[in-house]
Structure formats: structure tokens, C-alpha cells
Amino acid sequence: DRGVRGINLFVHSDAEQLSHMVALIDR
């Protein structure tokens, strides 16, 4: 009714992806 989606997120260790997230946080 409010257009809120629910998603399940599966994660795995990925150093490159984590580095990208750190850069996003730093910026």
C-alpha cells in the first residue's frame, strides 16, 4: 500500500566491494 519493498540480501566477503563502501562512507 505504501510501496515499501522487502528484499532478502545474501552477502559474501568481497574486499573490492568493501573498499568501495569505505570510499562511499569517506566521501
mmCIF file of all heavy atoms, coordinates in Angstrom:
data_MODEL
# 
_entry.id   MODEL 
# 
loop_
_atom_site.group_PDB 
_atom_site.id 
_atom_site.type_symbol 
_atom_site.label_atom_id 
_atom_site.label_alt_id 
_atom_site.label_comp_id 
_atom_site.label_asym_id 
_atom_site.label_entity_id 
_atom_site.label_seq_id 
_atom_site.pdbx_PDB_ins_code 
_atom_site.Cartn_x 
_atom_site.Cartn_y 
_atom_site.Cartn_z 
_atom_site.occupancy 
_atom_site.B_iso_or_equiv 
_atom_site.pdbx_formal_charge 
_atom_site.auth_seq_id 
_atom_site.auth_comp_id 
_atom_site.auth_asym_id 
_atom_site.auth_atom_id 
_atom_site.pdbx_PDB_model_num 
ATOM 1   N N   . ASP A 1 1  ? 0.817  -1.215  0.000  1.00 0.00 ? 1  ASP A N   1 
ATOM 2   C CA  . ASP A 1 1  ? 0.000  0.000   0.000  1.00 0.00 ? 1  ASP A CA  1 
ATOM 3   C C   . ASP A 1 1  ? 0.852  1.268   0.000  1.00 0.00 ? 1  ASP A C   1 
ATOM 4   O O   . ASP A 1 1  ? 0.470  2.284   -0.575 1.00 0.00 ? 1  ASP A O   1 
ATOM 5   C CB  . ASP A 1 1  ? -0.937 0.025   1.214  1.00 0.00 ? 1  ASP A CB  1 
ATOM 6   C CG  . ASP A 1 1  ? -2.001 -1.052  1.150  1.00 0.00 ? 1  ASP A CG  1 
ATOM 7   O OD1 . ASP A 1 1  ? -2.293 -1.547  0.034  1.00 0.00 ? 1  ASP A OD1 1 
ATOM 8   O OD2 . ASP A 1 1  ? -2.544 -1.409  2.218  1.00 0.00 ? 1  ASP A OD2 1 
ATOM 9   N N   . ARG A 1 2  ? 2.026  1.215   0.644  1.00 0.00 ? 2  ARG A N   1 
ATOM 10  C CA  . ARG A 1 2  ? 2.923  2.374   0.710  1.00 0.00 ? 2  ARG A CA  1 
ATOM 11  C C   . ARG A 1 2  ? 4.093  2.248   -0.257 1.00 0.00 ? 2  ARG A C   1 
ATOM 12  O O   . ARG A 1 2  ? 4.971  3.096   -0.288 1.00 0.00 ? 2  ARG A O   1 
ATOM 13  C CB  . ARG A 1 2  ? 3.444  2.541   2.148  1.00 0.00 ? 2  ARG A CB  1 
ATOM 14  C CG  . ARG A 1 2  ? 2.314  2.882   3.124  1.00 0.00 ? 2  ARG A CG  1 
ATOM 15  C CD  . ARG A 1 2  ? 2.782  3.080   4.555  1.00 0.00 ? 2  ARG A CD  1 
ATOM 16  N NE  . ARG A 1 2  ? 4.015  3.796   4.651  1.00 0.00 ? 2  ARG A NE  1 
ATOM 17  C CZ  . ARG A 1 2  ? 5.149  3.298   5.187  1.00 0.00 ? 2  ARG A CZ  1 
ATOM 18  N NH1 . ARG A 1 2  ? 5.171  2.091   5.691  1.00 0.00 ? 2  ARG A NH1 1 
ATOM 19  N NH2 . ARG A 1 2  ? 6.237  4.012   5.249  1.00 0.00 ? 2  ARG A NH2 1 
ATOM 20  N N   . GLY A 1 3  ? 4.131  1.174   -1.025 1.00 0.00 ? 3  GLY A N   1 
ATOM 21  C CA  . GLY A 1 3  ? 5.212  0.988   -1.989 1.00 0.00 ? 3  GLY A CA  1 
ATOM 22  C C   . GLY A 1 3  ? 6.540  0.630   -1.351 1.00 0.00 ? 3  GLY A C   1 
ATOM 23  O O   . GLY A 1 3  ? 7.595  0.868   -1.938 1.00 0.00 ? 3  GLY A O   1 
ATOM 24  N N   . VAL A 1 4  ? 6.507  0.063   -0.142 1.00 0.00 ? 4  VAL A N   1 
ATOM 25  C CA  . VAL A 1 4  ? 7.734  -0.341  0.542  1.00 0.00 ? 4  VAL A CA  1 
ATOM 26  C C   . VAL A 1 4  ? 8.026  -1.785  0.150  1.00 0.00 ? 4  VAL A C   1 
ATOM 27  O O   . VAL A 1 4  ? 7.210  -2.671  0.385  1.00 0.00 ? 4  VAL A O   1 
ATOM 28  C CB  . VAL A 1 4  ? 7.606  -0.209  2.072  1.00 0.00 ? 4  VAL A CB  1 
ATOM 29  C CG1 . VAL A 1 4  ? 8.849  -0.745  2.771  1.00 0.00 ? 4  VAL A CG1 1 
ATOM 30  C CG2 . VAL A 1 4  ? 7.356  1.244   2.455  1.00 0.00 ? 4  VAL A CG2 1 
ATOM 31  N N   . ARG A 1 5  ? 9.188  -2.000  -0.457 1.00 0.00 ? 5  ARG A N   1 
ATOM 32  C CA  . ARG A 1 5  ? 9.602  -3.337  -0.860 1.00 0.00 ? 5  ARG A CA  1 
ATOM 33  C C   . ARG A 1 5  ? 10.402 -3.985  0.254  1.00 0.00 ? 5  ARG A C   1 
ATOM 34  O O   . ARG A 1 5  ? 11.094 -3.312  1.006  1.00 0.00 ? 5  ARG A O   1 
ATOM 35  C CB  . ARG A 1 5  ? 10.490 -3.290  -2.113 1.00 0.00 ? 5  ARG A CB  1 
ATOM 36  C CG  . ARG A 1 5  ? 9.787  -2.806  -3.340 1.00 0.00 ? 5  ARG A CG  1 
ATOM 37  C CD  . ARG A 1 5  ? 10.704 -2.811  -4.559 1.00 0.00 ? 5  ARG A CD  1 
ATOM 38  N NE  . ARG A 1 5  ? 11.847 -1.914  -4.363 1.00 0.00 ? 5  ARG A NE  1 
ATOM 39  C CZ  . ARG A 1 5  ? 13.125 -2.269  -4.539 1.00 0.00 ? 5  ARG A CZ  1 
ATOM 40  N NH1 . ARG A 1 5  ? 13.435 -3.480  -4.917 1.00 0.00 ? 5  ARG A NH1 1 
ATOM 41  N NH2 . ARG A 1 5  ? 14.090 -1.407  -4.356 1.00 0.00 ? 5  ARG A NH2 1 
ATOM 42  N N   . GLY A 1 6  ? 10.323 -5.295  0.331  1.00 0.00 ? 6  GLY A N   1 
ATOM 43  C CA  . GLY A 1 6  ? 11.152 -6.065  1.244  1.00 0.00 ? 6  GLY A CA  1 
ATOM 44  C C   . GLY A 1 6  ? 12.033 -6.985  0.423  1.00 0.00 ? 6  GLY A C   1 
ATOM 45  O O   . GLY A 1 6  ? 11.537 -7.696  -0.449 1.00 0.00 ? 6  GLY A O   1 
ATOM 46  N N   . ILE A 1 7  ? 13.346 -6.928  0.660  1.00 0.00 ? 7  ILE A N   1 
ATOM 47  C CA  . ILE A 1 7  ? 14.250 -7.818  -0.077 1.00 0.00 ? 7  ILE A CA  1 
ATOM 48  C C   . ILE A 1 7  ? 15.137 -8.573  0.898  1.00 0.00 ? 7  ILE A C   1 
ATOM 49  O O   . ILE A 1 7  ? 15.492 -8.066  1.963  1.00 0.00 ? 7  ILE A O   1 
ATOM 50  C CB  . ILE A 1 7  ? 15.118 -7.057  -1.106 1.00 0.00 ? 7  ILE A CB  1 
ATOM 51  C CG1 . ILE A 1 7  ? 16.038 -6.049  -0.431 1.00 0.00 ? 7  ILE A CG1 1 
ATOM 52  C CG2 . ILE A 1 7  ? 14.262 -6.386  -2.168 1.00 0.00 ? 7  ILE A CG2 1 
ATOM 53  C CD1 . ILE A 1 7  ? 17.073 -5.465  -1.370 1.00 0.00 ? 7  ILE A CD1 1 
ATOM 54  N N   . ASN A 1 8  ? 15.462 -9.792  0.533  1.00 0.00 ? 8  ASN A N   1 
ATOM 55  C CA  . ASN A 1 8  ? 16.428 -10.593 1.283  1.00 0.00 ? 8  ASN A CA  1 
ATOM 56  C C   . ASN A 1 8  ? 17.786 -10.398 0.632  1.00 0.00 ? 8  ASN A C   1 
ATOM 57  O O   . ASN A 1 8  ? 17.903 -10.470 -0.590 1.00 0.00 ? 8  ASN A O   1 
ATOM 58  C CB  . ASN A 1 8  ? 16.041 -12.066 1.260  1.00 0.00 ? 8  ASN A CB  1 
ATOM 59  C CG  . ASN A 1 8  ? 14.778 -12.315 2.040  1.00 0.00 ? 8  ASN A CG  1 
ATOM 60  O OD1 . ASN A 1 8  ? 14.595 -11.788 3.132  1.00 0.00 ? 8  ASN A OD1 1 
ATOM 61  N ND2 . ASN A 1 8  ? 13.879 -13.096 1.490  1.00 0.00 ? 8  ASN A ND2 1 
ATOM 62  N N   . LEU A 1 9  ? 18.779 -10.140 1.432  1.00 0.00 ? 9  LEU A N   1 
ATOM 63  C CA  . LEU A 1 9  ? 20.110 -9.859  0.915  1.00 0.00 ? 9  LEU A CA  1 
ATOM 64  C C   . LEU A 1 9  ? 21.079 -10.925 1.401  1.00 0.00 ? 9  LEU A C   1 
ATOM 65  O O   . LEU A 1 9  ? 21.240 -11.137 2.605  1.00 0.00 ? 9  LEU A O   1 
ATOM 66  C CB  . LEU A 1 9  ? 20.576 -8.478  1.394  1.00 0.00 ? 9  LEU A CB  1 
ATOM 67  C CG  . LEU A 1 9  ? 21.972 -8.055  0.983  1.00 0.00 ? 9  LEU A CG  1 
ATOM 68  C CD1 . LEU A 1 9  ? 22.020 -7.813  -0.523 1.00 0.00 ? 9  LEU A CD1 1 
ATOM 69  C CD2 . LEU A 1 9  ? 22.383 -6.799  1.726  1.00 0.00 ? 9  LEU A CD2 1 
ATOM 70  N N   . PHE A 1 10 ? 21.695 -11.600 0.466  1.00 0.00 ? 10 PHE A N   1 
ATOM 71  C CA  . PHE A 1 10 ? 22.733 -12.568 0.779  1.00 0.00 ? 10 PHE A CA  1 
ATOM 72  C C   . PHE A 1 10 ? 24.070 -11.888 0.531  1.00 0.00 ? 10 PHE A C   1 
ATOM 73  O O   . PHE A 1 10 ? 24.237 -11.200 -0.475 1.00 0.00 ? 10 PHE A O   1 
ATOM 74  C CB  . PHE A 1 10 ? 22.617 -13.807 -0.117 1.00 0.00 ? 10 PHE A CB  1 
ATOM 75  C CG  . PHE A 1 10 ? 21.362 -14.585 0.114  1.00 0.00 ? 10 PHE A CG  1 
ATOM 76  C CD1 . PHE A 1 10 ? 20.211 -14.298 -0.591 1.00 0.00 ? 10 PHE A CD1 1 
ATOM 77  C CD2 . PHE A 1 10 ? 21.329 -15.601 1.056  1.00 0.00 ? 10 PHE A CD2 1 
ATOM 78  C CE1 . PHE A 1 10 ? 19.052 -15.015 -0.377 1.00 0.00 ? 10 PHE A CE1 1 
ATOM 79  C CE2 . PHE A 1 10 ? 20.170 -16.327 1.276  1.00 0.00 ? 10 PHE A CE2 1 
ATOM 80  C CZ  . PHE A 1 10 ? 19.028 -16.039 0.555  1.00 0.00 ? 10 PHE A CZ  1 
ATOM 81  N N   . VAL A 1 11 ? 25.005 -12.050 1.417  1.00 0.00 ? 11 VAL A N   1 
ATOM 82  C CA  . VAL A 1 11 ? 26.298 -11.387 1.275  1.00 0.00 ? 11 VAL A CA  1 
ATOM 83  C C   . VAL A 1 11 ? 27.425 -12.410 1.280  1.00 0.00 ? 11 VAL A C   1 
ATOM 84  O O   . VAL A 1 11 ? 27.284 -13.519 1.773  1.00 0.00 ? 11 VAL A O   1 
ATOM 85  C CB  . VAL A 1 11 ? 26.539 -10.351 2.399  1.00 0.00 ? 11 VAL A CB  1 
ATOM 86  C CG1 . VAL A 1 11 ? 25.506 -9.253  2.351  1.00 0.00 ? 11 VAL A CG1 1 
ATOM 87  C CG2 . VAL A 1 11 ? 26.538 -11.007 3.764  1.00 0.00 ? 11 VAL A CG2 1 
ATOM 88  N N   . HIS A 1 12 ? 28.531 -11.999 0.709  1.00 0.00 ? 12 HIS A N   1 
ATOM 89  C CA  . HIS A 1 12 ? 29.757 -12.787 0.765  1.00 0.00 ? 12 HIS A CA  1 
ATOM 90  C C   . HIS A 1 12 ? 30.924 -11.814 0.905  1.00 0.00 ? 12 HIS A C   1 
ATOM 91  O O   . HIS A 1 12 ? 30.807 -10.638 0.557  1.00 0.00 ? 12 HIS A O   1 
ATOM 92  C CB  . HIS A 1 12 ? 29.919 -13.660 -0.485 1.00 0.00 ? 12 HIS A CB  1 
ATOM 93  C CG  . HIS A 1 12 ? 30.126 -12.880 -1.739 1.00 0.00 ? 12 HIS A CG  1 
ATOM 94  N ND1 . HIS A 1 12 ? 29.086 -12.317 -2.447 1.00 0.00 ? 12 HIS A ND1 1 
ATOM 95  C CD2 . HIS A 1 12 ? 31.250 -12.558 -2.411 1.00 0.00 ? 12 HIS A CD2 1 
ATOM 96  C CE1 . HIS A 1 12 ? 29.565 -11.678 -3.503 1.00 0.00 ? 12 HIS A CE1 1 
ATOM 97  N NE2 . HIS A 1 12 ? 30.868 -11.807 -3.501 1.00 0.00 ? 12 HIS A NE2 1 
ATOM 98  N N   . SER A 1 13 ? 32.023 -12.289 1.422  1.00 0.00 ? 13 SER A N   1 
ATOM 99  C CA  . SER A 1 13 ? 33.194 -11.429 1.605  1.00 0.00 ? 13 SER A CA  1 
ATOM 100 C C   . SER A 1 13 ? 33.749 -11.036 0.248  1.00 0.00 ? 13 SER A C   1 
ATOM 101 O O   . SER A 1 13 ? 34.023 -11.885 -0.596 1.00 0.00 ? 13 SER A O   1 
ATOM 102 C CB  . SER A 1 13 ? 34.270 -12.164 2.413  1.00 0.00 ? 13 SER A CB  1 
ATOM 103 O OG  . SER A 1 13 ? 33.787 -12.449 3.701  1.00 0.00 ? 13 SER A OG  1 
ATOM 104 N N   . ASP A 1 14 ? 33.893 -9.748  0.035  1.00 0.00 ? 14 ASP A N   1 
ATOM 105 C CA  . ASP A 1 14 ? 34.405 -9.235  -1.226 1.00 0.00 ? 14 ASP A CA  1 
ATOM 106 C C   . ASP A 1 14 ? 35.209 -7.980  -0.906 1.00 0.00 ? 14 ASP A C   1 
ATOM 107 O O   . ASP A 1 14 ? 34.639 -6.905  -0.682 1.00 0.00 ? 14 ASP A O   1 
ATOM 108 C CB  . ASP A 1 14 ? 33.245 -8.916  -2.169 1.00 0.00 ? 14 ASP A CB  1 
ATOM 109 C CG  . ASP A 1 14 ? 33.683 -8.441  -3.541 1.00 0.00 ? 14 ASP A CG  1 
ATOM 110 O OD1 . ASP A 1 14 ? 34.740 -7.785  -3.643 1.00 0.00 ? 14 ASP A OD1 1 
ATOM 111 O OD2 . ASP A 1 14 ? 32.957 -8.713  -4.504 1.00 0.00 ? 14 ASP A OD2 1 
ATOM 112 N N   . ALA A 1 15 ? 36.521 -8.098  -0.865 1.00 0.00 ? 15 ALA A N   1 
ATOM 113 C CA  . ALA A 1 15 ? 37.392 -6.987  -0.457 1.00 0.00 ? 15 ALA A CA  1 
ATOM 114 C C   . ALA A 1 15 ? 37.202 -5.764  -1.350 1.00 0.00 ? 15 ALA A C   1 
ATOM 115 O O   . ALA A 1 15 ? 37.196 -4.631  -0.863 1.00 0.00 ? 15 ALA A O   1 
ATOM 116 C CB  . ALA A 1 15 ? 38.849 -7.432  -0.466 1.00 0.00 ? 15 ALA A CB  1 
ATOM 117 N N   . GLU A 1 16 ? 37.037 -5.969  -2.648 1.00 0.00 ? 16 GLU A N   1 
ATOM 118 C CA  . GLU A 1 16 ? 36.862 -4.831  -3.561 1.00 0.00 ? 16 GLU A CA  1 
ATOM 119 C C   . GLU A 1 16 ? 35.559 -4.087  -3.256 1.00 0.00 ? 16 GLU A C   1 
ATOM 120 O O   . GLU A 1 16 ? 35.529 -2.861  -3.215 1.00 0.00 ? 16 GLU A O   1 
ATOM 121 C CB  . GLU A 1 16 ? 36.865 -5.320  -5.000 1.00 0.00 ? 16 GLU A CB  1 
ATOM 122 C CG  . GLU A 1 16 ? 36.812 -4.189  -6.020 1.00 0.00 ? 16 GLU A CG  1 
ATOM 123 C CD  . GLU A 1 16 ? 36.907 -4.689  -7.458 1.00 0.00 ? 16 GLU A CD  1 
ATOM 124 O OE1 . GLU A 1 16 ? 37.505 -5.752  -7.684 1.00 0.00 ? 16 GLU A OE1 1 
ATOM 125 O OE2 . GLU A 1 16 ? 36.383 -3.995  -8.336 1.00 0.00 ? 16 GLU A OE2 1 
ATOM 126 N N   . GLN A 1 17 ? 34.487 -4.844  -3.029 1.00 0.00 ? 17 GLN A N   1 
ATOM 127 C CA  . GLN A 1 17 ? 33.200 -4.223  -2.711 1.00 0.00 ? 17 GLN A CA  1 
ATOM 128 C C   . GLN A 1 17 ? 33.273 -3.483  -1.366 1.00 0.00 ? 17 GLN A C   1 
ATOM 129 O O   . GLN A 1 17 ? 32.770 -2.368  -1.232 1.00 0.00 ? 17 GLN A O   1 
ATOM 130 C CB  . GLN A 1 17 ? 32.107 -5.276  -2.679 1.00 0.00 ? 17 GLN A CB  1 
ATOM 131 C CG  . GLN A 1 17 ? 30.722 -4.695  -2.477 1.00 0.00 ? 17 GLN A CG  1 
ATOM 132 C CD  . GLN A 1 17 ? 29.657 -5.771  -2.443 1.00 0.00 ? 17 GLN A CD  1 
ATOM 133 O OE1 . GLN A 1 17 ? 29.834 -6.806  -1.815 1.00 0.00 ? 17 GLN A OE1 1 
ATOM 134 N NE2 . GLN A 1 17 ? 28.561 -5.520  -3.130 1.00 0.00 ? 17 GLN A NE2 1 
ATOM 135 N N   . LEU A 1 18 ? 33.915 -4.089  -0.375 1.00 0.00 ? 18 LEU A N   1 
ATOM 136 C CA  . LEU A 1 18 ? 34.053 -3.435  0.924  1.00 0.00 ? 18 LEU A CA  1 
ATOM 137 C C   . LEU A 1 18 ? 34.883 -2.157  0.805  1.00 0.00 ? 18 LEU A C   1 
ATOM 138 O O   . LEU A 1 18 ? 34.568 -1.142  1.429  1.00 0.00 ? 18 LEU A O   1 
ATOM 139 C CB  . LEU A 1 18 ? 34.662 -4.390  1.944  1.00 0.00 ? 18 LEU A CB  1 
ATOM 140 C CG  . LEU A 1 18 ? 33.763 -5.553  2.359  1.00 0.00 ? 18 LEU A CG  1 
ATOM 141 C CD1 . LEU A 1 18 ? 34.549 -6.534  3.225  1.00 0.00 ? 18 LEU A CD1 1 
ATOM 142 C CD2 . LEU A 1 18 ? 32.536 -5.062  3.074  1.00 0.00 ? 18 LEU A CD2 1 
ATOM 143 N N   . SER A 1 19 ? 35.932 -2.180  -0.006 1.00 0.00 ? 19 SER A N   1 
ATOM 144 C CA  . SER A 1 19 ? 36.747 -0.978  -0.223 1.00 0.00 ? 19 SER A CA  1 
ATOM 145 C C   . SER A 1 19 ? 35.915 0.126   -0.857 1.00 0.00 ? 19 SER A C   1 
ATOM 146 O O   . SER A 1 19 ? 36.053 1.299   -0.510 1.00 0.00 ? 19 SER A O   1 
ATOM 147 C CB  . SER A 1 19 ? 37.942 -1.304  -1.113 1.00 0.00 ? 19 SER A CB  1 
ATOM 148 O OG  . SER A 1 19 ? 38.818 -2.182  -0.456 1.00 0.00 ? 19 SER A OG  1 
ATOM 149 N N   . HIS A 1 20 ? 35.049 -0.255  -1.797 1.00 0.00 ? 20 HIS A N   1 
ATOM 150 C CA  . HIS A 1 20 ? 34.168 0.721   -2.435 1.00 0.00 ? 20 HIS A CA  1 
ATOM 151 C C   . HIS A 1 20 ? 33.219 1.346   -1.402 1.00 0.00 ? 20 HIS A C   1 
ATOM 152 O O   . HIS A 1 20 ? 33.002 2.560   -1.400 1.00 0.00 ? 20 HIS A O   1 
ATOM 153 C CB  . HIS A 1 20 ? 33.377 0.057   -3.569 1.00 0.00 ? 20 HIS A CB  1 
ATOM 154 C CG  . HIS A 1 20 ? 32.381 0.957   -4.216 1.00 0.00 ? 20 HIS A CG  1 
ATOM 155 N ND1 . HIS A 1 20 ? 32.752 2.037   -4.998 1.00 0.00 ? 20 HIS A ND1 1 
ATOM 156 C CD2 . HIS A 1 20 ? 31.026 0.948   -4.198 1.00 0.00 ? 20 HIS A CD2 1 
ATOM 157 C CE1 . HIS A 1 20 ? 31.663 2.652   -5.430 1.00 0.00 ? 20 HIS A CE1 1 
ATOM 158 N NE2 . HIS A 1 20 ? 30.611 2.003   -4.959 1.00 0.00 ? 20 HIS A NE2 1 
ATOM 159 N N   . MET A 1 21 ? 32.679 0.506   -0.512 1.00 0.00 ? 21 MET A N   1 
ATOM 160 C CA  . MET A 1 21 ? 31.783 1.033   0.519  1.00 0.00 ? 21 MET A CA  1 
ATOM 161 C C   . MET A 1 21 ? 32.520 1.979   1.458  1.00 0.00 ? 21 MET A C   1 
ATOM 162 O O   . MET A 1 21 ? 31.976 3.015   1.853  1.00 0.00 ? 21 MET A O   1 
ATOM 163 C CB  . MET A 1 21 ? 31.152 -0.125  1.292  1.00 0.00 ? 21 MET A CB  1 
ATOM 164 C CG  . MET A 1 21 ? 30.150 -0.906  0.467  1.00 0.00 ? 21 MET A CG  1 
ATOM 165 S SD  . MET A 1 21 ? 29.478 -2.335  1.323  1.00 0.00 ? 21 MET A SD  1 
ATOM 166 C CE  . MET A 1 21 ? 28.540 -1.540  2.609  1.00 0.00 ? 21 MET A CE  1 
ATOM 167 N N   . VAL A 1 22 ? 33.752 1.654   1.801  1.00 0.00 ? 22 VAL A N   1 
ATOM 168 C CA  . VAL A 1 22 ? 34.553 2.543   2.652  1.00 0.00 ? 22 VAL A CA  1 
ATOM 169 C C   . VAL A 1 22 ? 34.754 3.885   1.953  1.00 0.00 ? 22 VAL A C   1 
ATOM 170 O O   . VAL A 1 22 ? 34.638 4.943   2.578  1.00 0.00 ? 22 VAL A O   1 
ATOM 171 C CB  . VAL A 1 22 ? 35.906 1.893   3.006  1.00 0.00 ? 22 VAL A CB  1 
ATOM 172 C CG1 . VAL A 1 22 ? 36.847 2.900   3.647  1.00 0.00 ? 22 VAL A CG1 1 
ATOM 173 C CG2 . VAL A 1 22 ? 35.692 0.709   3.945  1.00 0.00 ? 22 VAL A CG2 1 
ATOM 174 N N   . ALA A 1 23 ? 35.023 3.851   0.658  1.00 0.00 ? 23 ALA A N   1 
ATOM 175 C CA  . ALA A 1 23 ? 35.196 5.102   -0.096 1.00 0.00 ? 23 ALA A CA  1 
ATOM 176 C C   . ALA A 1 23 ? 33.913 5.923   -0.089 1.00 0.00 ? 23 ALA A C   1 
ATOM 177 O O   . ALA A 1 23 ? 33.951 7.152   0.065  1.00 0.00 ? 23 ALA A O   1 
ATOM 178 C CB  . ALA A 1 23 ? 35.635 4.793   -1.528 1.00 0.00 ? 23 ALA A CB  1 
ATOM 179 N N   . LEU A 1 24 ? 32.760 5.270   -0.239 1.00 0.00 ? 24 LEU A N   1 
ATOM 180 C CA  . LEU A 1 24 ? 31.478 5.978   -0.186 1.00 0.00 ? 24 LEU A CA  1 
ATOM 181 C C   . LEU A 1 24 ? 31.264 6.624   1.175  1.00 0.00 ? 24 LEU A C   1 
ATOM 182 O O   . LEU A 1 24 ? 30.803 7.770   1.269  1.00 0.00 ? 24 LEU A O   1 
ATOM 183 C CB  . LEU A 1 24 ? 30.325 5.023   -0.493 1.00 0.00 ? 24 LEU A CB  1 
ATOM 184 C CG  . LEU A 1 24 ? 30.215 4.494   -1.914 1.00 0.00 ? 24 LEU A CG  1 
ATOM 185 C CD1 . LEU A 1 24 ? 29.114 3.430   -1.998 1.00 0.00 ? 24 LEU A CD1 1 
ATOM 186 C CD2 . LEU A 1 24 ? 29.944 5.612   -2.901 1.00 0.00 ? 24 LEU A CD2 1 
ATOM 187 N N   . ILE A 1 25 ? 31.616 5.898   2.231  1.00 0.00 ? 25 ILE A N   1 
ATOM 188 C CA  . ILE A 1 25 ? 31.492 6.451   3.579  1.00 0.00 ? 25 ILE A CA  1 
ATOM 189 C C   . ILE A 1 25 ? 32.434 7.638   3.748  1.00 0.00 ? 25 ILE A C   1 
ATOM 190 O O   . ILE A 1 25 ? 32.045 8.694   4.260  1.00 0.00 ? 25 ILE A O   1 
ATOM 191 C CB  . ILE A 1 25 ? 31.765 5.360   4.638  1.00 0.00 ? 25 ILE A CB  1 
ATOM 192 C CG1 . ILE A 1 25 ? 30.651 4.318   4.613  1.00 0.00 ? 25 ILE A CG1 1 
ATOM 193 C CG2 . ILE A 1 25 ? 31.922 5.965   6.026  1.00 0.00 ? 25 ILE A CG2 1 
ATOM 194 C CD1 . ILE A 1 25 ? 30.957 3.063   5.397  1.00 0.00 ? 25 ILE A CD1 1 
ATOM 195 N N   . ASP A 1 26 ? 33.684 7.494   3.303  1.00 0.00 ? 26 ASP A N   1 
ATOM 196 C CA  . ASP A 1 26 ? 34.670 8.576   3.426  1.00 0.00 ? 26 ASP A CA  1 
ATOM 197 C C   . ASP A 1 26 ? 34.229 9.836   2.687  1.00 0.00 ? 26 ASP A C   1 
ATOM 198 O O   . ASP A 1 26 ? 34.508 10.945  3.134  1.00 0.00 ? 26 ASP A O   1 
ATOM 199 C CB  . ASP A 1 26 ? 36.036 8.120   2.913  1.00 0.00 ? 26 ASP A CB  1 
ATOM 200 C CG  . ASP A 1 26 ? 36.725 7.126   3.838  1.00 0.00 ? 26 ASP A CG  1 
ATOM 201 O OD1 . ASP A 1 26 ? 36.281 6.992   5.005  1.00 0.00 ? 26 ASP A OD1 1 
ATOM 202 O OD2 . ASP A 1 26 ? 37.697 6.483   3.393  1.00 0.00 ? 26 ASP A OD2 1 
ATOM 203 N N   . ARG A 1 27 ? 33.539 9.675   1.558  1.00 0.00 ? 27 ARG A N   1 
ATOM 204 C CA  . ARG A 1 27 ? 33.057 10.824  0.777  1.00 0.00 ? 27 ARG A CA  1 
ATOM 205 C C   . ARG A 1 27 ? 31.727 11.364  1.299  1.00 0.00 ? 27 ARG A C   1 
ATOM 206 O O   . ARG A 1 27 ? 31.211 12.340  0.783  1.00 0.00 ? 27 ARG A O   1 
ATOM 207 C CB  . ARG A 1 27 ? 32.902 10.440  -0.698 1.00 0.00 ? 27 ARG A CB  1 
ATOM 208 C CG  . ARG A 1 27 ? 34.203 10.193  -1.412 1.00 0.00 ? 27 ARG A CG  1 
ATOM 209 C CD  . ARG A 1 27 ? 34.023 10.152  -2.922 1.00 0.00 ? 27 ARG A CD  1 
ATOM 210 N NE  . ARG A 1 27 ? 33.017 9.233   -3.394 1.00 0.00 ? 27 ARG A NE  1 
ATOM 211 C CZ  . ARG A 1 27 ? 33.243 7.979   -3.828 1.00 0.00 ? 27 ARG A CZ  1 
ATOM 212 N NH1 . ARG A 1 27 ? 34.469 7.506   -3.842 1.00 0.00 ? 27 ARG A NH1 1 
ATOM 213 N NH2 . ARG A 1 27 ? 32.257 7.226   -4.244 1.00 0.00 ? 27 ARG A NH2 1 
# 
